[in-house]
Amino acid sequence: MASTLSALVVAFLGIIVTTTAAAQTQALPAQVDTQAQVQPAELPAHPPRVLKLDLTRSPNDIWDRLRRGFAMPDLDSPLVIEKQAFYLNRPGFLKQVFERGSRYLYHIVDELERRGMPMELALLPMVESNYNPMAYSRSQASGLWQFIPSTGRNFNLTQNSLVDERRDVIASTNAALDYLQTIYEMHGDWHLALASYNWGEGAVARALKYNIEHGLPAEYAHLRMPDETRNYIPKLQALKNIVARPELFAFELPHVLNYRHFAEVEAPKGIDLATAAGLAGMSLEDFIALNPGYNLPVVTSSGASLVVPVDRLAPFNAGLTSLTGTHKRWKTHQIKRGESLAAIAKRYALPVAHLREINGLSAKSRTVPGDTLIIPDGIDPAEALKTARILRQTTTR
């Protein structure tokens, strides 16, 4: 850590790192000003070289709790300095992403603490998805933790027409931590485990074998790897450094209290997400941000759950008890042999394009007899379409 802090001081006293054009635009939302520059804090003549924490008092906030659980060995390299400069030269973007992650951090931190895993891993979804559960990559990776379909299935994440648990905050976090524990036990080294998470455990095993056979160190820093993996852990280390000592970088972390932010509630079959959001007194967008795993605007199965902020639980539960059959504003239609989507849409007075969009069907999607469609029944079709479109608002990385 001492050598890392020394490198940070040197970086802010005069080293300006120029990143490539591709790196400067990577994973940035369109509204972020990528040219905005941050002024470094005025550093003390002899900055403290060791991060000292008073473990006898309770954490002030979630960041304090994170710092107490940092346990990975530090990576000290020019790439770390480069990634710090990348983040710190975009303070608006950095704060925006941390604020987005604030609704998920307590749950992730709680799970890491329960499992005895390093708290640095709570920052990994920022590297993976910028804390966006709707993020979707060109390689079909999805969610906070960016599971590809096959790995998601290996870790029991359901993916069907109703739900995609790769986007479900609770299910995907459990799966990601299971996966990280598995590959850590395989290597006994967190840097190699993280490289495996990004590149694949088979690829890392082959790279290690190559180094051993050629008399090279069997360590992350000495592996031959793709650029994405080479930059992966330096990004995480850069974020760790910023969270550990934000005052050194003149950066103010958003205040995130150290308390449980949400809870799971059993969802009555047939409730639609717009109604549920109304019961919680939330905008539909904010409600879906906590329940991003649903593919359809309505809960169609029994035993499903909804995630609700803890400060909205009382009105939400009260609203649930007062619901009658009128809350069911959708019906289902099972496709019969010979039925076309156009005929079904005409039967329910819907444009066929709207029927497709509500059911998450692209123009190329094929249906077969026995498939079930959801149909607006008591809900304004325009409201139904709005909910469906919010559910489809994925961000391509």
Protein backbone atom coordinates (compact mmCIF):
# COMPACT_ATOMS: atom_id res chain seq x y z
CA MET A 1 0.00 0.00 0.00
CA ALA A 2 2.87 2.36 0.79
CA SER A 3 4.31 2.05 -2.70
CA THR A 4 0.87 2.58 -4.19
CA LEU A 5 0.30 5.80 -2.22
CA SER A 6 3.71 7.05 -3.25
CA ALA A 7 2.81 6.43 -6.85
CA LEU A 8 -0.44 8.32 -6.39
CA VAL A 9 1.38 11.36 -5.03
CA VAL A 10 3.83 11.30 -7.92
CA ALA A 11 0.95 11.05 -10.37
CA PHE A 12 -0.77 14.12 -9.02
CA LEU A 13 2.42 16.15 -8.78
CA GLY A 14 3.02 16.04 -12.47
CA ILE A 15 2.34 12.88 -14.37
CA ILE A 16 -0.57 13.33 -16.75
CA VAL A 17 -1.58 10.12 -18.37
CA THR A 18 -3.02 10.26 -21.87
CA THR A 19 -5.47 7.46 -22.55
CA THR A 20 -6.46 6.26 -25.98
CA ALA A 21 -9.59 7.54 -27.64
CA ALA A 22 -11.22 4.17 -27.18
CA ALA A 23 -10.45 4.11 -23.48
CA GLN A 24 -11.76 7.63 -23.01
CA THR A 25 -15.20 6.69 -24.25
CA GLN A 26 -15.44 3.22 -22.77
CA ALA A 27 -18.66 2.60 -20.82
CA LEU A 28 -19.52 6.29 -20.51
CA PRO A 29 -23.12 7.47 -20.77
CA ALA A 30 -23.71 9.88 -23.63
CA GLN A 31 -24.52 12.81 -21.36
CA VAL A 32 -21.17 12.70 -19.55
CA ASP A 33 -18.66 15.39 -20.50
CA THR A 34 -15.57 13.32 -21.22
CA GLN A 35 -13.44 16.47 -21.54
CA ALA A 36 -14.10 17.76 -18.02
CA GLN A 37 -10.91 17.82 -15.97
CA VAL A 38 -10.53 17.52 -12.22
CA GLN A 39 -8.05 19.53 -10.23
CA PRO A 40 -6.05 17.36 -7.81
CA ALA A 41 -6.20 18.11 -4.14
CA GLU A 42 -3.34 20.05 -2.61
CA LEU A 43 -1.28 17.25 -1.15
CA PRO A 44 0.45 17.53 2.20
CA ALA A 45 4.25 17.63 2.17
CA HIS A 46 4.37 14.20 3.79
CA PRO A 47 1.09 12.42 3.11
CA PRO A 48 0.28 9.48 5.38
CA ARG A 49 1.61 6.26 3.88
CA VAL A 50 -0.70 3.87 5.72
CA LEU A 51 -4.49 3.91 5.83
CA LYS A 52 -5.39 3.84 9.54
CA LEU A 53 -8.87 2.85 10.62
CA ASP A 54 -10.42 2.90 14.08
CA LEU A 55 -12.05 -0.52 14.21
CA THR A 56 -13.45 0.08 17.70
CA ARG A 57 -16.27 2.32 16.41
CA SER A 58 -19.15 1.55 14.09
CA PRO A 59 -18.76 2.46 10.42
CA ASN A 60 -19.92 5.98 9.57
CA ASP A 61 -21.29 4.96 6.17
CA ILE A 62 -21.03 2.24 3.55
CA TRP A 63 -17.64 3.54 2.34
CA ASP A 64 -16.20 3.29 5.85
CA ARG A 65 -17.47 -0.28 6.03
CA LEU A 66 -15.89 -1.03 2.66
CA ARG A 67 -12.50 0.30 3.73
CA ARG A 68 -12.52 -1.89 6.83
CA GLY A 69 -12.93 -4.97 4.68
CA PHE A 70 -10.33 -4.26 2.00
CA ALA A 71 -8.21 -7.42 2.01
CA MET A 72 -6.74 -7.97 -1.44
CA PRO A 73 -3.05 -7.36 -2.11
CA ASP A 74 -2.52 -4.01 -3.81
CA LEU A 75 -1.49 -3.87 -7.44
CA ASP A 76 1.10 -1.18 -8.10
CA SER A 77 1.58 -0.47 -11.80
CA PRO A 78 1.46 2.38 -14.35
CA LEU A 79 -1.89 1.03 -15.53
CA VAL A 80 -3.39 1.72 -12.11
CA ILE A 81 -2.26 5.35 -12.32
CA GLU A 82 -3.70 5.54 -15.85
CA LYS A 83 -7.09 4.24 -14.72
CA GLN A 84 -7.15 6.62 -11.75
CA ALA A 85 -6.57 9.51 -14.11
CA PHE A 86 -9.35 8.23 -16.37
CA TYR A 87 -11.88 8.16 -13.53
CA LEU A 88 -10.75 11.34 -11.79
CA ASN A 89 -10.77 13.36 -15.00
CA ARG A 90 -14.50 12.59 -15.16
CA PRO A 91 -15.73 13.46 -11.65
CA GLY A 92 -19.33 13.92 -12.78
CA PHE A 93 -19.42 10.47 -14.34
CA LEU A 94 -17.69 8.91 -11.33
CA LYS A 95 -20.15 10.43 -8.86
CA GLN A 96 -23.11 9.50 -11.06
CA VAL A 97 -22.06 5.86 -11.15
CA PHE A 98 -21.38 5.69 -7.40
CA GLU A 99 -24.83 7.22 -6.78
CA ARG A 100 -26.42 4.63 -9.05
CA GLY A 101 -24.65 1.90 -7.12
CA SER A 102 -25.74 3.27 -3.76
CA ARG A 103 -29.07 1.40 -3.93
CA TYR A 104 -27.24 -1.93 -4.34
CA LEU A 105 -24.07 -1.51 -2.27
CA TYR A 106 -25.42 -2.42 1.16
CA HIS A 107 -26.76 -5.74 -0.10
CA ILE A 108 -23.49 -6.58 -1.87
CA VAL A 109 -21.38 -5.56 1.14
CA ASP A 110 -23.60 -7.58 3.48
CA GLU A 111 -23.18 -10.69 1.33
CA LEU A 112 -19.41 -10.24 1.10
CA GLU A 113 -19.14 -9.83 4.86
CA ARG A 114 -21.32 -12.87 5.49
CA ARG A 115 -19.06 -14.98 3.25
CA GLY A 116 -15.78 -13.51 4.54
CA MET A 117 -14.81 -12.22 1.09
CA PRO A 118 -12.74 -9.07 0.32
CA MET A 119 -14.73 -5.85 0.19
CA GLU A 120 -12.95 -4.76 -2.98
CA LEU A 121 -15.39 -7.06 -4.78
CA ALA A 122 -18.23 -4.62 -3.99
CA LEU A 123 -16.58 -2.29 -6.53
CA LEU A 124 -16.42 -4.95 -9.24
CA PRO A 125 -19.90 -4.17 -10.65
CA MET A 126 -18.62 -0.68 -11.44
CA VAL A 127 -15.87 -2.19 -13.58
CA GLU A 128 -18.33 -4.65 -15.12
CA SER A 129 -21.46 -2.57 -15.70
CA ASN A 130 -21.12 0.86 -14.05
CA TYR A 131 -23.62 -0.50 -11.47
CA ASN A 132 -26.26 -0.77 -14.20
CA PRO A 133 -28.35 -3.97 -13.91
CA MET A 134 -29.69 -3.35 -17.42
CA ALA A 135 -26.21 -3.26 -19.00
CA TYR A 136 -25.82 -5.59 -21.98
CA SER A 137 -22.58 -6.29 -23.82
CA ARG A 138 -21.75 -7.32 -27.37
CA SER A 139 -20.86 -10.77 -26.01
CA GLN A 140 -24.41 -11.06 -24.58
CA ALA A 141 -23.26 -10.49 -20.99
CA SER A 142 -26.01 -8.95 -18.89
CA GLY A 143 -26.65 -7.40 -15.49
CA LEU A 144 -24.61 -5.84 -12.69
CA TRP A 145 -22.12 -8.70 -12.80
CA GLN A 146 -22.21 -9.23 -16.59
CA PHE A 147 -22.98 -12.94 -16.80
CA ILE A 148 -22.94 -14.47 -20.26
CA PRO A 149 -25.87 -16.88 -20.83
CA SER A 150 -23.89 -20.11 -20.35
CA THR A 151 -22.18 -19.03 -17.12
CA GLY A 152 -25.49 -17.75 -15.82
CA ARG A 153 -27.06 -21.15 -16.41
CA ASN A 154 -24.07 -22.86 -14.74
CA PHE A 155 -24.86 -20.83 -11.62
CA ASN A 156 -28.61 -21.44 -11.73
CA LEU A 157 -29.71 -18.05 -13.05
CA THR A 158 -33.05 -18.57 -14.79
CA GLN A 159 -33.28 -17.10 -18.29
CA ASN A 160 -36.61 -17.43 -20.10
CA SER A 161 -39.38 -15.32 -21.58
CA LEU A 162 -40.59 -14.25 -18.13
CA VAL A 163 -37.38 -13.39 -16.27
CA ASP A 164 -33.66 -13.01 -16.74
CA GLU A 165 -32.05 -13.49 -13.36
CA ARG A 166 -28.72 -12.24 -14.69
CA ARG A 167 -30.35 -8.82 -14.22
CA ASP A 168 -31.92 -9.70 -10.85
CA VAL A 169 -29.83 -7.88 -8.24
CA ILE A 170 -30.17 -10.48 -5.47
CA ALA A 171 -29.93 -13.63 -7.60
CA SER A 172 -27.04 -12.37 -9.73
CA THR A 173 -25.07 -11.18 -6.69
CA ASN A 174 -25.39 -14.61 -5.07
CA ALA A 175 -24.30 -16.28 -8.32
CA ALA A 176 -21.37 -13.90 -8.87
CA LEU A 177 -20.03 -14.42 -5.37
CA ASP A 178 -20.45 -18.20 -5.72
CA TYR A 179 -18.47 -18.03 -8.96
CA LEU A 180 -15.76 -15.81 -7.48
CA GLN A 181 -15.39 -18.12 -4.49
CA THR A 182 -15.09 -21.11 -6.81
CA ILE A 183 -12.33 -19.61 -8.95
CA TYR A 184 -10.51 -18.22 -5.90
CA GLU A 185 -10.42 -21.73 -4.43
CA MET A 186 -9.09 -22.93 -7.78
CA HIS A 187 -6.16 -20.47 -7.80
CA GLY A 188 -5.71 -19.35 -4.17
CA ASP A 189 -5.04 -15.86 -5.53
CA TRP A 190 -7.58 -13.04 -5.95
CA HIS A 191 -5.84 -11.43 -8.92
CA LEU A 192 -5.91 -14.74 -10.79
CA ALA A 193 -9.53 -15.28 -9.72
CA LEU A 194 -10.50 -11.87 -11.11
CA ALA A 195 -8.61 -12.54 -14.33
CA SER A 196 -10.57 -15.80 -14.60
CA TYR A 197 -13.86 -13.98 -14.00
CA ASN A 198 -13.08 -11.66 -16.91
CA TRP A 199 -11.22 -13.97 -19.29
CA GLY A 200 -12.42 -17.43 -18.26
CA GLU A 201 -10.84 -19.94 -15.92
CA GLY A 202 -9.72 -22.14 -18.81
CA ALA A 203 -7.85 -19.29 -20.49
CA VAL A 204 -6.10 -18.35 -17.24
CA ALA A 205 -5.19 -22.00 -16.58
CA ARG A 206 -3.61 -22.22 -20.04
CA ALA A 207 -1.70 -18.96 -19.53
CA LEU A 208 -0.39 -20.22 -16.17
CA LYS A 209 0.65 -23.52 -17.75
CA TYR A 210 2.54 -21.65 -20.47
CA ASN A 211 4.44 -19.57 -17.90
CA ILE A 212 5.34 -22.59 -15.80
CA GLU A 213 6.57 -24.51 -18.84
CA HIS A 214 8.73 -21.55 -19.91
CA GLY A 215 10.17 -20.80 -16.46
CA LEU A 216 8.15 -17.59 -16.01
CA PRO A 217 6.42 -16.44 -12.79
CA ALA A 218 2.96 -17.97 -12.37
CA GLU A 219 1.47 -14.62 -11.34
CA TYR A 220 -1.19 -12.36 -12.81
CA ALA A 221 1.23 -9.54 -13.68
CA HIS A 222 3.38 -11.90 -15.77
CA LEU A 223 0.66 -13.62 -17.79
CA ARG A 224 0.14 -13.13 -21.50
CA MET A 225 -3.46 -11.93 -21.66
CA PRO A 226 -5.80 -9.82 -23.79
CA ASP A 227 -5.85 -6.05 -23.21
CA GLU A 228 -9.29 -6.17 -21.60
CA THR A 229 -8.03 -8.52 -18.89
CA ARG A 230 -4.76 -6.61 -18.50
CA ASN A 231 -6.78 -3.46 -17.76
CA TYR A 232 -9.41 -5.19 -15.64
CA ILE A 233 -7.69 -5.41 -12.25
CA PRO A 234 -5.97 -1.99 -12.58
CA LYS A 235 -9.47 -0.49 -12.95
CA LEU A 236 -10.58 -2.18 -9.74
CA GLN A 237 -7.39 -1.09 -7.93
CA ALA A 238 -7.89 2.50 -9.13
CA LEU A 239 -11.43 2.54 -7.72
CA LYS A 240 -10.18 1.01 -4.47
CA ASN A 241 -7.55 3.76 -4.15
CA ILE A 242 -10.14 6.49 -4.74
CA VAL A 243 -12.58 5.02 -2.20
CA ALA A 244 -9.77 4.45 0.32
CA ARG A 245 -8.47 8.04 0.22
CA PRO A 246 -10.93 10.34 -1.60
CA GLU A 247 -9.50 13.40 0.14
CA LEU A 248 -6.17 12.87 -1.62
CA PHE A 249 -7.92 13.26 -4.95
CA ALA A 250 -10.26 16.15 -4.07
CA PHE A 251 -13.15 13.78 -4.75
CA GLU A 252 -16.27 13.65 -2.60
CA LEU A 253 -17.99 10.30 -2.43
CA PRO A 254 -21.80 10.46 -2.29
CA HIS A 255 -23.11 9.87 1.22
CA VAL A 256 -24.48 6.32 1.46
CA LEU A 257 -25.76 5.31 4.87
CA ASN A 258 -24.79 1.92 6.24
CA TYR A 259 -28.25 0.40 6.47
CA ARG A 260 -30.39 -2.08 4.56
CA HIS A 261 -31.92 -0.34 1.55
CA PHE A 262 -34.41 -2.93 0.32
CA ALA A 263 -36.25 -6.13 1.14
CA GLU A 264 -38.00 -8.88 -0.81
CA VAL A 265 -41.79 -9.17 -0.67
CA GLU A 266 -43.87 -12.01 -2.10
CA ALA A 267 -45.68 -10.74 -5.19
CA PRO A 268 -49.30 -11.69 -5.81
CA LYS A 269 -49.71 -13.43 -9.16
CA GLY A 270 -51.08 -11.06 -11.78
CA ILE A 271 -49.84 -7.80 -10.29
CA ASP A 272 -48.23 -5.54 -12.86
CA LEU A 273 -45.10 -3.53 -12.19
CA ALA A 274 -46.86 -0.18 -12.68
CA THR A 275 -49.39 -1.03 -9.95
CA ALA A 276 -46.62 -2.26 -7.64
CA ALA A 277 -44.64 0.94 -8.20
CA GLY A 278 -47.74 2.96 -7.31
CA LEU A 279 -48.25 1.00 -4.07
CA ALA A 280 -44.64 1.76 -3.13
CA GLY A 281 -45.06 5.44 -4.00
CA MET A 282 -42.24 5.22 -6.53
CA SER A 283 -41.74 6.14 -10.13
CA LEU A 284 -41.91 3.19 -12.48
CA GLU A 285 -38.28 3.77 -13.49
CA ASP A 286 -37.03 3.63 -9.89
CA PHE A 287 -39.13 0.56 -9.13
CA ILE A 288 -37.79 -1.31 -12.16
CA ALA A 289 -34.23 -0.35 -11.13
CA LEU A 290 -34.81 -2.57 -8.07
CA ASN A 291 -36.67 -5.22 -10.08
CA PRO A 292 -34.80 -5.36 -13.38
CA GLY A 293 -35.00 -9.12 -13.80
CA TYR A 294 -38.55 -9.17 -15.15
CA ASN A 295 -38.94 -9.45 -18.92
CA LEU A 296 -42.66 -8.71 -18.88
CA PRO A 297 -44.64 -5.83 -17.32
CA VAL A 298 -46.65 -8.24 -15.16
CA VAL A 299 -45.82 -10.97 -12.62
CA THR A 300 -47.25 -14.07 -14.28
CA SER A 301 -46.14 -16.82 -11.89
CA SER A 302 -46.86 -17.76 -8.29
CA GLY A 303 -44.09 -17.56 -5.70
CA ALA A 304 -42.32 -14.63 -7.35
CA SER A 305 -41.00 -11.73 -5.30
CA LEU A 306 -40.59 -8.00 -5.66
CA VAL A 307 -37.83 -5.84 -4.18
CA VAL A 308 -39.08 -2.79 -2.28
CA PRO A 309 -37.14 -0.06 -0.40
CA VAL A 310 -37.34 -0.61 3.35
CA ASP A 311 -38.77 2.87 3.88
CA ARG A 312 -41.65 1.99 1.51
CA LEU A 313 -42.45 -1.43 2.95
CA ALA A 314 -45.29 -0.29 5.24
CA PRO A 315 -47.35 1.50 2.57
CA PHE A 316 -46.55 -1.22 0.03
CA ASN A 317 -47.72 -4.04 2.29
CA ALA A 318 -50.79 -2.04 3.31
CA GLY A 319 -51.60 -1.53 -0.35
CA LEU A 320 -51.19 -5.23 -1.08
CA THR A 321 -53.70 -6.20 1.60
CA SER A 322 -56.27 -3.81 0.15
CA LEU A 323 -55.92 -5.12 -3.41
CA THR A 324 -58.91 -6.87 -4.91
CA GLY A 325 -59.28 -8.70 -8.19
CA THR A 326 -59.23 -5.33 -9.93
CA HIS A 327 -55.44 -5.23 -9.63
CA LYS A 328 -55.25 -7.84 -12.37
CA ARG A 329 -55.07 -5.65 -15.43
CA TRP A 330 -53.72 -8.28 -17.80
CA LYS A 331 -54.93 -11.52 -19.31
CA THR A 332 -53.04 -14.32 -20.99
CA HIS A 333 -53.60 -15.85 -24.40
CA GLN A 334 -52.26 -19.25 -25.36
CA ILE A 335 -51.44 -19.41 -29.05
CA LYS A 336 -53.44 -22.04 -30.92
CA ARG A 337 -52.41 -23.93 -34.03
CA GLY A 338 -52.86 -21.76 -37.10
CA GLU A 339 -53.11 -18.47 -35.15
CA SER A 340 -50.91 -15.60 -36.26
CA LEU A 341 -49.77 -12.66 -34.16
CA ALA A 342 -51.61 -10.37 -36.56
CA ALA A 343 -54.89 -12.21 -35.94
CA ILE A 344 -54.36 -12.17 -32.16
CA ALA A 345 -53.53 -8.46 -32.20
CA LYS A 346 -56.67 -7.73 -34.23
CA ARG A 347 -58.79 -9.74 -31.79
CA TYR A 348 -57.63 -7.56 -28.89
CA ALA A 349 -57.60 -4.29 -30.86
CA LEU A 350 -53.84 -3.88 -30.55
CA PRO A 351 -51.31 -2.93 -33.20
CA VAL A 352 -49.28 -6.06 -33.89
CA ALA A 353 -46.07 -4.08 -33.23
CA HIS A 354 -47.36 -3.23 -29.73
CA LEU A 355 -48.29 -6.85 -29.06
CA ARG A 356 -44.76 -7.87 -30.00
CA GLU A 357 -43.14 -5.15 -27.90
CA ILE A 358 -45.22 -5.84 -24.80
CA ASN A 359 -44.25 -9.51 -25.01
CA GLY A 360 -40.58 -8.85 -25.75
CA LEU A 361 -40.79 -10.31 -29.26
CA SER A 362 -38.57 -8.88 -31.95
CA ALA A 363 -39.59 -8.78 -35.60
CA LYS A 364 -37.53 -11.97 -36.08
CA SER A 365 -38.97 -13.82 -33.06
CA ARG A 366 -41.04 -16.88 -33.88
CA THR A 367 -43.94 -18.18 -31.83
CA VAL A 368 -45.31 -21.71 -31.75
CA PRO A 369 -48.62 -23.19 -30.64
CA GLY A 370 -48.70 -23.36 -26.85
CA ASP A 371 -46.72 -20.14 -26.31
CA THR A 372 -48.41 -17.73 -23.91
CA LEU A 373 -48.82 -14.02 -24.59
CA ILE A 374 -49.83 -11.32 -22.14
CA ILE A 375 -52.62 -8.97 -23.22
CA PRO A 376 -53.60 -5.61 -21.64
CA ASP A 377 -56.97 -6.04 -19.92
CA GLY A 378 -57.98 -3.04 -17.86
CA ILE A 379 -54.63 -1.29 -18.15
CA ASP A 380 -54.31 1.56 -20.63
CA PRO A 381 -52.42 0.10 -23.62
CA ALA A 382 -50.22 3.21 -23.67
CA GLU A 383 -49.24 2.58 -20.02
CA ALA A 384 -48.60 -1.07 -20.82
CA LEU A 385 -46.34 -0.07 -23.67
CA LYS A 386 -44.47 2.44 -21.49
CA THR A 387 -43.72 -0.25 -18.89
CA ALA A 388 -42.51 -2.64 -21.58
CA ARG A 389 -40.23 0.00 -23.04
CA ILE A 390 -38.66 0.81 -19.68
CA LEU A 391 -37.98 -2.90 -19.21
CA ARG A 392 -36.19 -2.92 -22.56
CA GLN A 393 -33.98 0.09 -21.84
CA THR A 394 -30.71 -1.79 -21.80
CA THR A 395 -27.37 -0.06 -22.05
CA THR A 396 -24.88 -1.60 -24.46
CA ARG A 397 -21.34 -1.65 -23.14
